[in-house]
Each structure stands twice: as C-alpha cells, then as structure tokens.
Protein backbone atom coordinates (compact mmCIF):
# COMPACT_ATOMS: atom_id res chain seq x y z
CA UNK A 1 -17.01 28.31 11.50
CA UNK A 2 -13.25 28.55 10.90
CA UNK A 3 -12.65 27.57 14.53
CA UNK A 4 -14.87 24.49 14.10
CA UNK A 5 -13.07 23.56 10.89
CA UNK A 6 -9.76 23.97 12.65
CA UNK A 7 -10.83 21.65 15.46
CA UNK A 8 -12.08 19.12 12.94
CA UNK A 9 -8.77 19.17 11.07
CA UNK A 10 -6.79 18.77 14.27
CA UNK A 11 -9.00 15.88 15.33
CA UNK A 12 -8.48 14.19 11.96
CA UNK A 13 -4.73 14.70 12.23
CA UNK A 14 -4.74 13.20 15.71
CA UNK A 15 -6.64 10.15 14.49
CA UNK A 16 -4.19 9.68 11.63
CA UNK A 17 -1.22 9.83 14.02
CA UNK A 18 -2.88 7.28 16.28
CA UNK A 19 -3.64 4.92 13.39
CA UNK A 20 -0.12 5.21 11.98
CA UNK A 21 1.41 4.52 15.37
CA UNK A 22 -0.95 1.60 16.00
CA UNK A 23 -0.21 0.11 12.58
CA UNK A 24 3.49 -0.05 13.31
CA UNK A 25 3.07 -1.41 16.83
CA UNK A 26 0.49 -4.05 15.92
CA UNK A 27 2.65 -5.24 13.01
CA UNK A 28 5.75 -5.63 15.17
CA UNK A 29 4.34 -6.58 18.59
CA UNK A 30 1.04 -8.26 17.76
CA UNK A 31 -2.37 -7.63 19.24
CA UNK A 32 -1.81 -8.71 22.84
CA UNK A 33 1.67 -7.16 22.89
CA UNK A 34 0.40 -3.67 22.07
CA UNK A 35 -1.09 -1.38 24.69
CA UNK A 36 -3.05 1.85 24.39
CA UNK A 37 -0.31 3.61 26.35
CA UNK A 38 2.32 2.49 23.85
CA UNK A 39 0.14 3.66 20.97
CA UNK A 40 -0.41 6.98 22.71
CA UNK A 41 3.32 7.45 23.35
CA UNK A 42 4.18 6.64 19.72
CA UNK A 43 1.47 9.02 18.46
CA UNK A 44 2.45 11.80 20.81
CA UNK A 45 -0.93 11.95 22.56
CA UNK A 46 -2.37 10.84 25.90
CA UNK A 47 -3.86 7.40 26.49
CA UNK A 48 -7.31 8.95 27.24
CA UNK A 49 -7.16 10.57 23.78
CA UNK A 50 -6.74 7.14 22.18
CA UNK A 51 -9.65 5.81 24.26
CA UNK A 52 -11.75 8.82 23.30
CA UNK A 53 -11.34 8.19 19.59
CA UNK A 54 -11.43 4.37 19.52
CA UNK A 55 -12.91 3.07 22.78
CA UNK A 56 -11.04 -0.22 22.92
CA UNK A 57 -8.18 -2.05 21.27
CA UNK A 58 -10.32 -4.18 18.97
CA UNK A 59 -11.98 -1.06 17.53
CA UNK A 60 -8.59 0.54 17.05
CA UNK A 61 -7.27 -2.50 15.17
CA UNK A 62 -10.44 -2.59 13.06
CA UNK A 63 -9.83 1.00 12.01
CA UNK A 64 -6.17 0.26 11.28
CA UNK A 65 -7.29 -2.56 8.96
CA UNK A 66 -9.87 -0.33 7.26
CA UNK A 67 -7.37 2.45 6.62
CA UNK A 68 -4.71 0.01 5.38
CA UNK A 69 -7.25 -1.58 3.03
CA UNK A 70 -8.06 1.62 1.15
CA UNK A 71 -4.97 3.71 1.86
CA UNK A 72 -6.65 6.58 3.72
CA UNK A 73 -9.44 7.39 6.15
CA UNK A 74 -11.83 8.89 3.61
CA UNK A 75 -15.37 7.41 3.80
CA UNK A 76 -15.18 5.97 0.27
CA UNK A 77 -15.54 2.17 -0.08
CA UNK A 78 -12.80 0.26 -1.89
CA UNK A 79 -15.01 -0.65 -4.86
CA UNK A 80 -16.10 2.98 -5.30
CA UNK A 81 -12.54 4.18 -5.78
CA UNK A 82 -11.60 5.70 -9.18
CA UNK A 83 -9.21 2.86 -10.06
CA UNK A 84 -12.00 0.30 -9.77
CA UNK A 85 -14.36 2.45 -11.79
CA UNK A 86 -11.71 2.43 -14.53
CA UNK A 87 -11.32 -1.33 -14.23
CA UNK A 88 -15.05 -1.82 -14.77
CA UNK A 89 -14.83 -0.06 -18.14
CA UNK A 90 -11.88 -2.08 -19.47
CA UNK A 91 -12.82 -4.29 -22.41
CA UNK A 92 -9.75 -6.56 -22.49
CA UNK A 93 -9.84 -9.39 -19.89
CA UNK A 94 -6.04 -9.43 -19.72
CA UNK A 95 -6.04 -5.73 -18.83
CA UNK A 96 -8.71 -6.33 -16.16
CA UNK A 97 -6.57 -9.05 -14.57
CA UNK A 98 -3.38 -6.98 -14.67
CA UNK A 99 -5.09 -3.97 -13.09
CA UNK A 100 -6.74 -6.09 -10.40
CA UNK A 101 -3.50 -7.81 -9.50
CA UNK A 102 -1.58 -4.54 -9.43
CA UNK A 103 -4.05 -2.80 -7.14
CA UNK A 104 -4.37 -5.93 -5.00
CA UNK A 105 -0.60 -5.90 -4.54
CA UNK A 106 -0.63 -2.25 -3.48
CA UNK A 107 -3.34 -3.03 -0.94
CA UNK A 108 -1.76 -6.26 0.31
CA UNK A 109 1.57 -4.55 0.89
CA UNK A 110 -0.22 -2.28 3.38
CA UNK A 111 -2.77 -4.60 4.91
CA UNK A 112 -1.38 -8.16 4.84
CA UNK A 113 0.89 -7.73 7.91
CA UNK A 114 -2.03 -6.29 9.89
CA UNK A 115 -4.43 -9.01 8.77
CA UNK A 116 -1.89 -11.53 10.05
CA UNK A 117 -2.22 -9.87 13.47
CA UNK A 118 -6.01 -10.25 13.34
CA UNK A 119 -5.71 -13.89 12.24
CA UNK A 120 -3.29 -14.77 15.03
CA UNK A 121 -5.43 -13.05 17.68
CA UNK A 122 -8.68 -14.63 16.45
CA UNK A 123 -8.04 -17.98 18.16
CA UNK A 124 -8.18 -16.49 21.65
CA UNK A 125 -10.31 -13.36 21.27
CA UNK A 126 -13.98 -13.37 20.19
CA UNK A 127 -13.76 -9.78 18.94
CA UNK A 128 -10.79 -10.65 16.77
CA UNK A 129 -12.50 -13.82 15.54
CA UNK A 130 -15.45 -11.70 14.42
CA UNK A 131 -13.07 -9.20 12.83
CA UNK A 132 -11.25 -11.96 10.93
CA UNK A 133 -14.55 -13.37 9.66
CA UNK A 134 -15.66 -9.92 8.52
CA UNK A 135 -12.35 -9.20 6.79
CA UNK A 136 -12.46 -12.58 5.04
CA UNK A 137 -15.99 -11.90 3.80
CA UNK A 138 -14.97 -8.45 2.57
CA UNK A 139 -12.07 -9.95 0.59
CA UNK A 140 -14.37 -12.52 -0.98
CA UNK A 141 -16.89 -9.82 -1.89
CA UNK A 142 -14.19 -7.70 -3.53
CA UNK A 143 -12.74 -10.61 -5.51
CA UNK A 144 -16.24 -11.72 -6.45
CA UNK A 145 -16.90 -8.28 -7.93
CA UNK A 146 -13.71 -8.59 -9.99
CA UNK A 147 -14.91 -11.99 -11.25
CA UNK A 148 -18.26 -10.42 -12.16
CA UNK A 149 -16.41 -7.93 -14.38
CA UNK A 150 -14.70 -10.80 -16.20
CA UNK A 151 -17.98 -12.69 -16.49
CA UNK A 152 -19.59 -9.60 -18.01
CA UNK A 153 -16.92 -9.74 -20.73
CA UNK A 154 -17.70 -13.46 -21.24
CA UNK A 155 -14.07 -14.10 -20.41
CA UNK A 156 -14.28 -16.97 -17.91
CA UNK A 157 -13.13 -20.35 -19.18
CA UNK A 158 -15.96 -22.73 -20.21
CA UNK A 159 -17.44 -24.60 -17.26
CA UNK A 160 -15.91 -22.30 -14.65
CA UNK A 161 -18.57 -20.92 -12.34
CA UNK A 162 -18.29 -17.49 -10.78
CA UNK A 163 -18.05 -19.08 -7.34
CA UNK A 164 -15.16 -21.31 -8.36
CA UNK A 165 -13.48 -18.37 -10.12
CA UNK A 166 -13.80 -16.35 -6.91
CA UNK A 167 -12.29 -19.28 -4.96
CA UNK A 168 -9.27 -19.27 -7.28
CA UNK A 169 -8.85 -15.51 -6.97
CA UNK A 170 -9.20 -15.49 -3.18
CA UNK A 171 -6.56 -18.21 -2.92
CA UNK A 172 -3.99 -16.76 -5.33
CA UNK A 173 -4.31 -13.22 -3.95
CA UNK A 174 -4.53 -14.20 -0.29
CA UNK A 175 -2.68 -12.13 2.32
CA UNK A 176 -0.97 -15.24 3.66
CA UNK A 177 0.46 -16.29 0.29
CA UNK A 178 1.47 -12.69 -0.43
CA UNK A 179 3.49 -12.59 2.81
CA UNK A 180 5.11 -15.96 2.12
CA UNK A 181 6.32 -14.88 -1.31
CA UNK A 182 7.26 -11.26 -0.60
CA UNK A 183 8.57 -11.65 2.95
CA UNK A 184 9.73 -15.23 3.45
CA UNK A 185 10.89 -15.78 -0.14
CA UNK A 186 12.01 -12.16 -0.62
CA UNK A 187 10.22 -11.72 -3.94
CA UNK A 188 10.02 -8.19 -5.28
CA UNK A 189 6.60 -6.69 -5.87
CA UNK A 190 7.22 -6.85 -9.62
CA UNK A 191 8.01 -10.57 -9.44
CA UNK A 192 4.93 -11.27 -7.29
CA UNK A 193 2.74 -9.28 -9.67
CA UNK A 194 4.01 -11.14 -12.75
CA UNK A 195 3.49 -14.49 -11.02
CA UNK A 196 -0.01 -13.58 -9.83
CA UNK A 197 -1.09 -12.28 -13.25
CA UNK A 198 0.16 -15.44 -14.99
CA UNK A 199 -1.49 -17.83 -12.55
CA UNK A 200 -4.74 -15.90 -12.37
CA UNK A 201 -5.02 -15.75 -16.16
CA UNK A 202 -4.27 -19.47 -16.36
CA UNK A 203 -6.91 -20.25 -13.74
CA UNK A 204 -9.69 -18.02 -15.05
CA UNK A 205 -9.36 -17.43 -18.80
CA UNK A 206 -9.92 -19.93 -21.62
CA UNK A 207 -6.91 -21.92 -22.76
CA UNK A 208 -5.44 -19.96 -25.71
CA UNK A 209 -4.78 -23.22 -27.53
C-alpha cells in the first residue's frame, strides 16, 4: 500500500510540474508557440510523459486553466471552496461585494493571462473555441451565483434583474478588463480592487440617496 501511495504522490508531483511549466510557456509563447517537448523540457520530464498525462495540447491547456481558476489540482469546485461558503453566510451586501471582488482578483491574477491564450487561439482552433465558450459559461455561472447571494439579501437595486446584474458583474470583473488595468495601465491589485468594489456596488446596490 505504501508503494502505491508513493507512486500516486510522484505522479501527482509530475502533473504539477507539467502544469506549472505549461502555464509559464503558454502565457509567454501562446498556444501555437508552445510544444509538448518544450513543456517536457521545462518540467524535467520526457515528452511521452506529458502525452501520457494529458493526451494532447488542448487537454493540457484546459487543465492549466482549471488549476489556475481554483489555485490547485484538488477535485473541489470553485463554489464549494471555504471562502465561498463564508461569503454565502455574510449578511452585509457591502461585505459580500468586497469578498467577491477580492477573491475574483486573486483568481484573475492567476488565470487571466491563460484565458487570453485560449481567447486568441479560439479563432483558428475548434477545440480552443469550445474551451473559450466553456470558460465563458463557467464565469457567468460563478458570477450569477454571487448575484443570487445578493438577491437573497434583497440587496439588488429596484428594477435590476438578476440577469442584468450578472451582466454587470461579468463585464466589470472580466479577465480582459483586469489585464488592461493591471498590466497595460500598471494598476496595483489594491487599486484594481478598490475600483472594482466601487463600480460593482454602484451598479448593483440601491442608490444610498
């Protein structure tokens, strides 16, 4: 049994090295500019080992996105993580928004550069187009769940539907806008977070006047 556990741990460590190497290469060289051999060299394994674990490049990139989205390779969905459980129990809408923006920023800092790779590859690759559509739907689902928490507190501004509230949230917390502000405009994470909290509260909550 200990031998089996040891093999399992080594396999998990190998997968983590591959994913970390692939993350860096995809982010700097793009999808078409990254090869399995380069990933293998960066991870310190053979190319057949990368193929064994991930089969093809699109599956590898999908796993890189999944790991970047939640921060690890544990089989626990984003919305089942402890921080979201705590957010569900918050009673102050302002606290809910601050927590959602903060955690969104942590996630976007990891995943936004990789999602840009998927987006750019989607135009010429059917697998990447499907991946981009799936990632977009997952983001909308997550933001929709956040909106549902606010709606449960009766915190949405009068006349604002949950769908429109989700539209606002998806737009303000989009990976593209995050990269523009934090990379192109050189905003700090703290500045982005303050901006996002202010604009999200303005867009979703009743006017305090």
